[in-house]
Amino acid sequence: MKHSELLKKLSVKTGLTQEQTQEFVKEFINIIKEKIKKEDSVHITGFWSFSGKKVKERKAKNPKTKETVIVKAHIKPNFSFTDTFKKKINEK
């Protein structure tokens, strides 16, 4: 499903206009980004969780050139579905 299709379906289900739905989705994603940047997490019970973890600066090798490079410290985002959700999608 493409982003535009998702927005249309959400718009129909919620009764919001597509513009309102798009704004809602945009802000929802922005909140998740902000939380991850702060190394915080966002949990939707029975569905999924997002979190962010700071990774320290480290040395690594470029596989093509074998040159040593520095990988800067950064926030690594993590996403996982809950066990409840995994079980529900596999029910018959």
PDB file of N, CA and C in Angstrom:
ATOM      1  N   MET A   1       0.841  -1.168   0.000  1.00  0.00           N
ATOM      2  CA  MET A   1       0.000   0.000   0.000  1.00  0.00           C
ATOM      3  C   MET A   1       0.892   1.239   0.000  1.00  0.00           C
ATOM      4  N   LYS A   2       0.591   2.134  -0.870  1.00  0.00           N
ATOM      5  CA  LYS A   2       1.335   3.383  -0.958  1.00  0.00           C
ATOM      6  C   LYS A   2       0.815   4.384   0.071  1.00  0.00           C
ATOM      7  N   HIS A   3       1.639   5.392   0.338  1.00  0.00           N
ATOM      8  CA  HIS A   3       1.292   6.436   1.303  1.00  0.00           C
ATOM      9  C   HIS A   3      -0.046   7.083   0.954  1.00  0.00           C
ATOM     10  N   SER A   4      -0.251   7.409  -0.323  1.00  0.00           N
ATOM     11  CA  SER A   4      -1.490   8.072  -0.748  1.00  0.00           C
ATOM     12  C   SER A   4      -2.708   7.168  -0.515  1.00  0.00           C
ATOM     13  N   GLU A   5      -2.551   5.876  -0.739  1.00  0.00           N
ATOM     14  CA  GLU A   5      -3.651   4.942  -0.513  1.00  0.00           C
ATOM     15  C   GLU A   5      -3.983   4.858   0.976  1.00  0.00           C
ATOM     16  N   LEU A   6      -2.941   4.842   1.806  1.00  0.00           N
ATOM     17  CA  LEU A   6      -3.147   4.802   3.252  1.00  0.00           C
ATOM     18  C   LEU A   6      -3.899   6.044   3.714  1.00  0.00           C
ATOM     19  N   LEU A   7      -3.500   7.208   3.211  1.00  0.00           N
ATOM     20  CA  LEU A   7      -4.173   8.448   3.586  1.00  0.00           C
ATOM     21  C   LEU A   7      -5.643   8.423   3.180  1.00  0.00           C
ATOM     22  N   LYS A   8      -5.948   7.912   1.989  1.00  0.00           N
ATOM     23  CA  LYS A   8      -7.340   7.826   1.535  1.00  0.00           C
ATOM     24  C   LYS A   8      -8.162   6.937   2.459  1.00  0.00           C
ATOM     25  N   LYS A   9      -7.612   5.763   2.798  1.00  0.00           N
ATOM     26  CA  LYS A   9      -8.337   4.827   3.666  1.00  0.00           C
ATOM     27  C   LYS A   9      -8.552   5.419   5.059  1.00  0.00           C
ATOM     28  N   LEU A  10      -7.509   6.046   5.604  1.00  0.00           N
ATOM     29  CA  LEU A  10      -7.647   6.675   6.915  1.00  0.00           C
ATOM     30  C   LEU A  10      -8.673   7.797   6.878  1.00  0.00           C
ATOM     31  N   SER A  11      -8.670   8.559   5.813  1.00  0.00           N
ATOM     32  CA  SER A  11      -9.616   9.661   5.655  1.00  0.00           C
ATOM     33  C   SER A  11     -11.054   9.144   5.669  1.00  0.00           C
ATOM     34  N   VAL A  12     -11.312   8.091   4.936  1.00  0.00           N
ATOM     35  CA  VAL A  12     -12.652   7.503   4.879  1.00  0.00           C
ATOM     36  C   VAL A  12     -13.053   6.958   6.244  1.00  0.00           C
ATOM     37  N   LYS A  13     -12.142   6.228   6.909  1.00  0.00           N
ATOM     38  CA  LYS A  13     -12.441   5.605   8.210  1.00  0.00           C
ATOM     39  C   LYS A  13     -12.673   6.627   9.310  1.00  0.00           C
ATOM     40  N   THR A  14     -11.944   7.750   9.285  1.00  0.00           N
ATOM     41  CA  THR A  14     -12.026   8.730  10.367  1.00  0.00           C
ATOM     42  C   THR A  14     -13.006   9.857  10.090  1.00  0.00           C
ATOM     43  N   GLY A  15     -13.371  10.052   8.831  1.00  0.00           N
ATOM     44  CA  GLY A  15     -14.253  11.158   8.480  1.00  0.00           C
ATOM     45  C   GLY A  15     -13.513  12.479   8.347  1.00  0.00           C
ATOM     46  N   LEU A  16     -12.191  12.443   8.447  1.00  0.00           N
ATOM     47  CA  LEU A  16     -11.377  13.643   8.249  1.00  0.00           C
ATOM     48  C   LEU A  16     -11.137  13.849   6.763  1.00  0.00           C
ATOM     49  N   THR A  17     -10.817  15.081   6.386  1.00  0.00           N
ATOM     50  CA  THR A  17     -10.446  15.308   4.993  1.00  0.00           C
ATOM     51  C   THR A  17      -9.069  14.683   4.763  1.00  0.00           C
ATOM     52  N   GLN A  18      -8.706  14.499   3.501  1.00  0.00           N
ATOM     53  CA  GLN A  18      -7.387  13.935   3.205  1.00  0.00           C
ATOM     54  C   GLN A  18      -6.283  14.877   3.686  1.00  0.00           C
ATOM     55  N   GLU A  19      -6.521  16.186   3.610  1.00  0.00           N
ATOM     56  CA  GLU A  19      -5.534  17.161   4.078  1.00  0.00           C
ATOM     57  C   GLU A  19      -5.344  17.051   5.589  1.00  0.00           C
ATOM     58  N   GLN A  20      -6.454  16.917   6.331  1.00  0.00           N
ATOM     59  CA  GLN A  20      -6.373  16.758   7.784  1.00  0.00           C
ATOM     60  C   GLN A  20      -5.667  15.453   8.141  1.00  0.00           C
ATOM     61  N   THR A  21      -5.998  14.404   7.405  1.00  0.00           N
ATOM     62  CA  THR A  21      -5.375  13.107   7.644  1.00  0.00           C
ATOM     63  C   THR A  21      -3.885  13.170   7.375  1.00  0.00           C
ATOM     64  N   GLN A  22      -3.504  13.817   6.292  1.00  0.00           N
ATOM     65  CA  GLN A  22      -2.084  13.950   5.950  1.00  0.00           C
ATOM     66  C   GLN A  22      -1.345  14.732   7.041  1.00  0.00           C
ATOM     67  N   GLU A  23      -1.949  15.796   7.533  1.00  0.00           N
ATOM     68  CA  GLU A  23      -1.339  16.599   8.600  1.00  0.00           C
ATOM     69  C   GLU A  23      -1.196  15.769   9.875  1.00  0.00           C
ATOM     70  N   PHE A  24      -2.218  14.981  10.194  1.00  0.00           N
ATOM     71  CA  PHE A  24      -2.162  14.124  11.376  1.00  0.00           C
ATOM     72  C   PHE A  24      -1.013  13.129  11.268  1.00  0.00           C
ATOM     73  N   VAL A  25      -0.918  12.439  10.145  1.00  0.00           N
ATOM     74  CA  VAL A  25       0.132  11.444   9.937  1.00  0.00           C
ATOM     75  C   VAL A  25       1.513  12.104   9.998  1.00  0.00           C
ATOM     76  N   LYS A  26       1.643  13.270   9.381  1.00  0.00           N
ATOM     77  CA  LYS A  26       2.912  14.001   9.394  1.00  0.00           C
ATOM     78  C   LYS A  26       3.332  14.328  10.831  1.00  0.00           C
ATOM     79  N   GLU A  27       2.412  14.847  11.629  1.00  0.00           N
ATOM     80  CA  GLU A  27       2.719  15.201  13.013  1.00  0.00           C
ATOM     81  C   GLU A  27       2.987  13.970  13.868  1.00  0.00           C
ATOM     82  N   PHE A  28       2.270  12.895  13.617  1.00  0.00           N
ATOM     83  CA  PHE A  28       2.480  11.626  14.322  1.00  0.00           C
ATOM     84  C   PHE A  28       3.920  11.146  14.097  1.00  0.00           C
ATOM     85  N   ILE A  29       4.361  11.180  12.859  1.00  0.00           N
ATOM     86  CA  ILE A  29       5.728  10.765  12.514  1.00  0.00           C
ATOM     87  C   ILE A  29       6.747  11.714  13.137  1.00  0.00           C
ATOM     88  N   ASN A  30       6.462  13.015  13.135  1.00  0.00           N
ATOM     89  CA  ASN A  30       7.367  13.984  13.749  1.00  0.00           C
ATOM     90  C   ASN A  30       7.544  13.741  15.242  1.00  0.00           C
ATOM     91  N   ILE A  31       6.465  13.393  15.929  1.00  0.00           N
ATOM     92  CA  ILE A  31       6.552  13.090  17.360  1.00  0.00           C
ATOM     93  C   ILE A  31       7.452  11.878  17.581  1.00  0.00           C
ATOM     94  N   ILE A  32       7.302  10.853  16.760  1.00  0.00           N
ATOM     95  CA  ILE A  32       8.136   9.663  16.886  1.00  0.00           C
ATOM     96  C   ILE A  32       9.601  10.029  16.645  1.00  0.00           C
ATOM     97  N   LYS A  33       9.873  10.826  15.621  1.00  0.00           N
ATOM     98  CA  LYS A  33      11.251  11.264  15.338  1.00  0.00           C
ATOM     99  C   LYS A  33      11.850  12.006  16.527  1.00  0.00           C
ATOM    100  N   GLU A  34      11.077  12.932  17.103  1.00  0.00           N
ATOM    101  CA  GLU A  34      11.563  13.710  18.245  1.00  0.00           C
ATOM    102  C   GLU A  34      11.912  12.807  19.419  1.00  0.00           C
ATOM    103  N   LYS A  35      11.070  11.836  19.698  1.00  0.00           N
ATOM    104  CA  LYS A  35      11.312  10.915  20.809  1.00  0.00           C
ATOM    105  C   LYS A  35      12.563  10.072  20.566  1.00  0.00           C
ATOM    106  N   ILE A  36      12.721   9.570  19.348  1.00  0.00           N
ATOM    107  CA  ILE A  36      13.889   8.757  19.014  1.00  0.00           C
ATOM    108  C   ILE A  36      15.161   9.583  19.152  1.00  0.00           C
ATOM    109  N   LYS A  37      15.143  10.844  18.693  1.00  0.00           N
ATOM    110  CA  LYS A  37      16.314  11.719  18.818  1.00  0.00           C
ATOM    111  C   LYS A  37      16.721  11.910  20.273  1.00  0.00           C
ATOM    112  N   LYS A  38      15.747  11.877  21.177  1.00  0.00           N
ATOM    113  CA  LYS A  38      16.021  12.051  22.611  1.00  0.00           C
ATOM    114  C   LYS A  38      16.311  10.715  23.305  1.00  0.00           C
ATOM    115  N   GLU A  39      16.474   9.653  22.495  1.00  0.00           N
ATOM    116  CA  GLU A  39      16.706   8.300  22.997  1.00  0.00           C
ATOM    117  C   GLU A  39      15.560   7.828  23.892  1.00  0.00           C
ATOM    118  N   ASP A  40      14.376   8.295  23.588  1.00  0.00           N
ATOM    119  CA  ASP A  40      13.170   7.899  24.294  1.00  0.00           C
ATOM    120  C   ASP A  40      12.454   6.851  23.445  1.00  0.00           C
ATOM    121  N   SER A  41      11.323   6.384  23.902  1.00  0.00           N
ATOM    122  CA  SER A  41      10.601   5.388  23.109  1.00  0.00           C
ATOM    123  C   SER A  41       9.119   5.734  23.021  1.00  0.00           C
ATOM    124  N   VAL A  42       8.469   5.156  22.032  1.00  0.00           N
ATOM    125  CA  VAL A  42       7.032   5.318  21.823  1.00  0.00           C
ATOM    126  C   VAL A  42       6.447   3.913  21.708  1.00  0.00           C
ATOM    127  N   HIS A  43       5.476   3.615  22.571  1.00  0.00           N
ATOM    128  CA  HIS A  43       4.846   2.293  22.576  1.00  0.00           C
ATOM    129  C   HIS A  43       3.358   2.424  22.278  1.00  0.00           C
ATOM    130  N   ILE A  44       2.888   1.627  21.371  1.00  0.00           N
ATOM    131  CA  ILE A  44       1.452   1.505  21.136  1.00  0.00           C
ATOM    132  C   ILE A  44       1.097   0.081  21.583  1.00  0.00           C
ATOM    133  N   THR A  45       0.430  -0.014  22.715  1.00  0.00           N
ATOM    134  CA  THR A  45       0.127  -1.304  23.317  1.00  0.00           C
ATOM    135  C   THR A  45      -0.593  -2.218  22.327  1.00  0.00           C
ATOM    136  N   GLY A  46      -0.091  -3.421  22.195  1.00  0.00           N
ATOM    137  CA  GLY A  46      -0.693  -4.411  21.312  1.00  0.00           C
ATOM    138  C   GLY A  46      -0.321  -4.248  19.854  1.00  0.00           C
ATOM    139  N   PHE A  47       0.598  -3.308  19.559  1.00  0.00           N
ATOM    140  CA  PHE A  47       0.950  -3.086  18.167  1.00  0.00           C
ATOM    141  C   PHE A  47       2.454  -3.018  17.959  1.00  0.00           C
ATOM    142  N   TRP A  48       3.122  -1.921  18.344  1.00  0.00           N
ATOM    143  CA  TRP A  48       4.550  -1.791  18.101  1.00  0.00           C
ATOM    144  C   TRP A  48       5.217  -0.837  19.065  1.00  0.00           C
ATOM    145  N   SER A  49       6.553  -0.779  18.969  1.00  0.00           N
ATOM    146  CA  SER A  49       7.294   0.215  19.735  1.00  0.00           C
ATOM    147  C   SER A  49       8.455   0.728  18.900  1.00  0.00           C
ATOM    148  N   PHE A  50       8.726   2.024  19.048  1.00  0.00           N
ATOM    149  CA  PHE A  50       9.875   2.683  18.436  1.00  0.00           C
ATOM    150  C   PHE A  50      10.785   3.130  19.564  1.00  0.00           C
ATOM    151  N   SER A  51      12.079   3.055  19.342  1.00  0.00           N
ATOM    152  CA  SER A  51      13.024   3.583  20.315  1.00  0.00           C
ATOM    153  C   SER A  51      14.291   4.021  19.596  1.00  0.00           C
ATOM    154  N   GLY A  52      15.124   4.744  20.312  1.00  0.00           N
ATOM    155  CA  GLY A  52      16.390   5.190  19.755  1.00  0.00           C
ATOM    156  C   GLY A  52      17.503   4.929  20.751  1.00  0.00           C
ATOM    157  N   LYS A  53      18.662   4.557  20.255  1.00  0.00           N
ATOM    158  CA  LYS A  53      19.805   4.263  21.112  1.00  0.00           C
ATOM    159  C   LYS A  53      21.037   4.939  20.536  1.00  0.00           C
ATOM    160  N   LYS A  54      21.771   5.618  21.396  1.00  0.00           N
ATOM    161  CA  LYS A  54      22.981   6.299  20.948  1.00  0.00           C
ATOM    162  C   LYS A  54      24.083   5.262  20.702  1.00  0.00           C
ATOM    163  N   VAL A  55      24.725   5.377  19.543  1.00  0.00           N
ATOM    164  CA  VAL A  55      25.844   4.499  19.185  1.00  0.00           C
ATOM    165  C   VAL A  55      27.108   5.357  19.230  1.00  0.00           C
ATOM    166  N   LYS A  56      28.121   4.873  19.928  1.00  0.00           N
ATOM    167  CA  LYS A  56      29.358   5.630  20.068  1.00  0.00           C
ATOM    168  C   LYS A  56      30.136   5.672  18.753  1.00  0.00           C
ATOM    169  N   GLU A  57      30.991   6.692  18.654  1.00  0.00           N
ATOM    170  CA  GLU A  57      31.891   6.799  17.497  1.00  0.00           C
ATOM    171  C   GLU A  57      32.813   5.577  17.499  1.00  0.00           C
ATOM    172  N   ARG A  58      33.123   5.081  16.307  1.00  0.00           N
ATOM    173  CA  ARG A  58      33.990   3.894  16.225  1.00  0.00           C
ATOM    174  C   ARG A  58      34.779   3.897  14.926  1.00  0.00           C
ATOM    175  N   LYS A  59      35.786   3.058  14.898  1.00  0.00           N
ATOM    176  CA  LYS A  59      36.563   2.869  13.672  1.00  0.00           C
ATOM    177  C   LYS A  59      35.991   1.674  12.922  1.00  0.00           C
ATOM    178  N   ALA A  60      36.019   1.772  11.609  1.00  0.00           N
ATOM    179  CA  ALA A  60      35.535   0.676  10.767  1.00  0.00           C
ATOM    180  C   ALA A  60      36.401   0.638   9.515  1.00  0.00           C
ATOM    181  N   LYS A  61      36.304  -0.449   8.759  1.00  0.00           N
ATOM    182  CA  LYS A  61      37.055  -0.566   7.504  1.00  0.00           C
ATOM    183  C   LYS A  61      36.102  -0.497   6.333  1.00  0.00           C
ATOM    184  N   ASN A  62      36.498   0.294   5.334  1.00  0.00           N
ATOM    185  CA  ASN A  62      35.757   0.351   4.089  1.00  0.00           C
ATOM    186  C   ASN A  62      36.037  -0.966   3.373  1.00  0.00           C
ATOM    187  N   PRO A  63      35.019  -1.779   3.090  1.00  0.00           N
ATOM    188  CA  PRO A  63      35.252  -3.085   2.483  1.00  0.00           C
ATOM    189  C   PRO A  63      35.876  -3.030   1.087  1.00  0.00           C
ATOM    190  N   LYS A  64      35.639  -1.946   0.360  1.00  0.00           N
ATOM    191  CA  LYS A  64      36.202  -1.846  -0.989  1.00  0.00           C
ATOM    192  C   LYS A  64      37.669  -1.448  -0.967  1.00  0.00           C
ATOM    193  N   THR A  65      37.976  -0.431  -0.164  1.00  0.00           N
ATOM    194  CA  THR A  65      39.345   0.107  -0.183  1.00  0.00           C
ATOM    195  C   THR A  65      40.209  -0.398   0.962  1.00  0.00           C
ATOM    196  N   LYS A  66      39.593  -1.052   1.947  1.00  0.00           N
ATOM    197  CA  LYS A  66      40.270  -1.535   3.162  1.00  0.00           C
ATOM    198  C   LYS A  66      40.793  -0.376   4.018  1.00  0.00           C
ATOM    199  N   GLU A  67      40.379   0.832   3.683  1.00  0.00           N
ATOM    200  CA  GLU A  67      40.799   2.019   4.419  1.00  0.00           C
ATOM    201  C   GLU A  67      40.023   2.108   5.737  1.00  0.00           C
ATOM    202  N   THR A  68      40.703   2.512   6.801  1.00  0.00           N
ATOM    203  CA  THR A  68      40.050   2.715   8.086  1.00  0.00           C
ATOM    204  C   THR A  68      39.315   4.055   8.051  1.00  0.00           C
ATOM    205  N   VAL A  69      38.058   4.034   8.469  1.00  0.00           N
ATOM    206  CA  VAL A  69      37.246   5.244   8.501  1.00  0.00           C
ATOM    207  C   VAL A  69      36.627   5.390   9.891  1.00  0.00           C
ATOM    208  N   ILE A  70      36.252   6.609  10.220  1.00  0.00           N
ATOM    209  CA  ILE A  70      35.583   6.871  11.494  1.00  0.00           C
ATOM    210  C   ILE A  70      34.083   6.963  11.241  1.00  0.00           C
ATOM    211  N   VAL A  71      33.327   6.141  11.969  1.00  0.00           N
ATOM    212  CA  VAL A  71      31.870   6.214  11.913  1.00  0.00           C
ATOM    213  C   VAL A  71      31.460   7.086  13.096  1.00  0.00           C
ATOM    214  N   LYS A  72      30.872   8.218  12.806  1.00  0.00           N
ATOM    215  CA  LYS A  72      30.504   9.182  13.843  1.00  0.00           C
ATOM    216  C   LYS A  72      29.428   8.625  14.770  1.00  0.00           C
ATOM    217  N   ALA A  73      29.400   9.144  15.987  1.00  0.00           N
ATOM    218  CA  ALA A  73      28.339   8.788  16.928  1.00  0.00           C
ATOM    219  C   ALA A  73      26.997   9.192  16.328  1.00  0.00           C
ATOM    220  N   HIS A  74      25.996   8.364  16.540  1.00  0.00           N
ATOM    221  CA  HIS A  74      24.675   8.657  15.982  1.00  0.00           C
ATOM    222  C   HIS A  74      23.596   7.931  16.778  1.00  0.00           C
ATOM    223  N   ILE A  75      22.360   8.290  16.502  1.00  0.00           N
ATOM    224  CA  ILE A  75      21.218   7.620  17.121  1.00  0.00           C
ATOM    225  C   ILE A  75      20.741   6.529  16.169  1.00  0.00           C
ATOM    226  N   LYS A  76      20.645   5.323  16.694  1.00  0.00           N
ATOM    227  CA  LYS A  76      20.171   4.195  15.883  1.00  0.00           C
ATOM    228  C   LYS A  76      18.697   3.938  16.225  1.00  0.00           C
ATOM    229  N   PRO A  77      17.806   4.148  15.245  1.00  0.00           N
ATOM    230  CA  PRO A  77      16.388   3.886  15.514  1.00  0.00           C
ATOM    231  C   PRO A  77      16.096   2.389  15.525  1.00  0.00           C
ATOM    232  N   ASN A  78      15.139   2.013  16.363  1.00  0.00           N
ATOM    233  CA  ASN A  78      14.736   0.608  16.452  1.00  0.00           C
ATOM    234  C   ASN A  78      13.212   0.553  16.412  1.00  0.00           C
ATOM    235  N   PHE A  79      12.702  -0.460  15.742  1.00  0.00           N
ATOM    236  CA  PHE A  79      11.263  -0.650  15.600  1.00  0.00           C
ATOM    237  C   PHE A  79      10.973  -2.121  15.816  1.00  0.00           C
ATOM    238  N   SER A  80       9.950  -2.426  16.598  1.00  0.00           N
ATOM    239  CA  SER A  80       9.574  -3.831  16.747  1.00  0.00           C
ATOM    240  C   SER A  80       8.073  -3.949  17.008  1.00  0.00           C
ATOM    241  N   PHE A  81       7.505  -5.017  16.462  1.00  0.00           N
ATOM    242  CA  PHE A  81       6.111  -5.324  16.716  1.00  0.00           C
ATOM    243  C   PHE A  81       6.006  -6.060  18.039  1.00  0.00           C
ATOM    244  N   THR A  82       4.880  -5.897  18.718  1.00  0.00           N
ATOM    245  CA  THR A  82       4.669  -6.621  19.967  1.00  0.00           C
ATOM    246  C   THR A  82       4.333  -8.080  19.663  1.00  0.00           C
ATOM    247  N   ASP A  83       4.539  -8.939  20.657  1.00  0.00           N
ATOM    248  CA  ASP A  83       4.190 -10.350  20.491  1.00  0.00           C
ATOM    249  C   ASP A  83       2.692 -10.510  20.251  1.00  0.00           C
ATOM    250  N   THR A  84       1.891  -9.676  20.907  1.00  0.00           N
ATOM    251  CA  THR A  84       0.431  -9.715  20.727  1.00  0.00           C
ATOM    252  C   THR A  84       0.067  -9.486  19.267  1.00  0.00           C
ATOM    253  N   PHE A  85       0.676  -8.482  18.650  1.00  0.00           N
ATOM    254  CA  PHE A  85       0.397  -8.187  17.248  1.00  0.00           C
ATOM    255  C   PHE A  85       0.827  -9.342  16.356  1.00  0.00           C
ATOM    256  N   LYS A  86       2.019  -9.883  16.610  1.00  0.00           N
ATOM    257  CA  LYS A  86       2.524 -11.001  15.801  1.00  0.00           C
ATOM    258  C   LYS A  86       1.584 -12.192  15.869  1.00  0.00           C
ATOM    259  N   LYS A  87       1.047 -12.468  17.051  1.00  0.00           N
ATOM    260  CA  LYS A  87       0.125 -13.589  17.217  1.00  0.00           C
ATOM    261  C   LYS A  87      -1.185 -13.334  16.458  1.00  0.00           C
ATOM    262  N   LYS A  88      -1.686 -12.081  16.551  1.00  0.00           N
ATOM    263  CA  LYS A  88      -2.965 -11.753  15.906  1.00  0.00           C
ATOM    264  C   LYS A  88      -2.907 -11.866  14.392  1.00  0.00           C
ATOM    265  N   ILE A  89      -1.793 -11.470  13.782  1.00  0.00           N
ATOM    266  CA  ILE A  89      -1.728 -11.537  12.314  1.00  0.00           C
ATOM    267  C   ILE A  89      -1.557 -12.969  11.816  1.00  0.00           C
ATOM    268  N   ASN A  90      -1.179 -13.865  12.717  1.00  0.00           N
ATOM    269  CA  ASN A  90      -1.012 -15.260  12.321  1.00  0.00           C
ATOM    270  C   ASN A  90      -2.190 -16.141  12.722  1.00  0.00           C
ATOM    271  N   GLU A  91      -3.221 -15.541  13.333  1.00  0.00           N
ATOM    272  CA  GLU A  91      -4.424 -16.293  13.672  1.00  0.00           C
ATOM    273  C   GLU A  91      -5.224 -16.597  12.419  1.00  0.00           C
ATOM    274  N   LYS A  92      -5.950 -17.692  12.465  1.00  0.00           N
ATOM    275  CA  LYS A  92      -6.787 -18.063  11.314  1.00  0.00           C
ATOM    276  C   LYS A  92      -8.216 -17.825  11.605  1.00  0.00           C
TER     277      LYS A  92
END
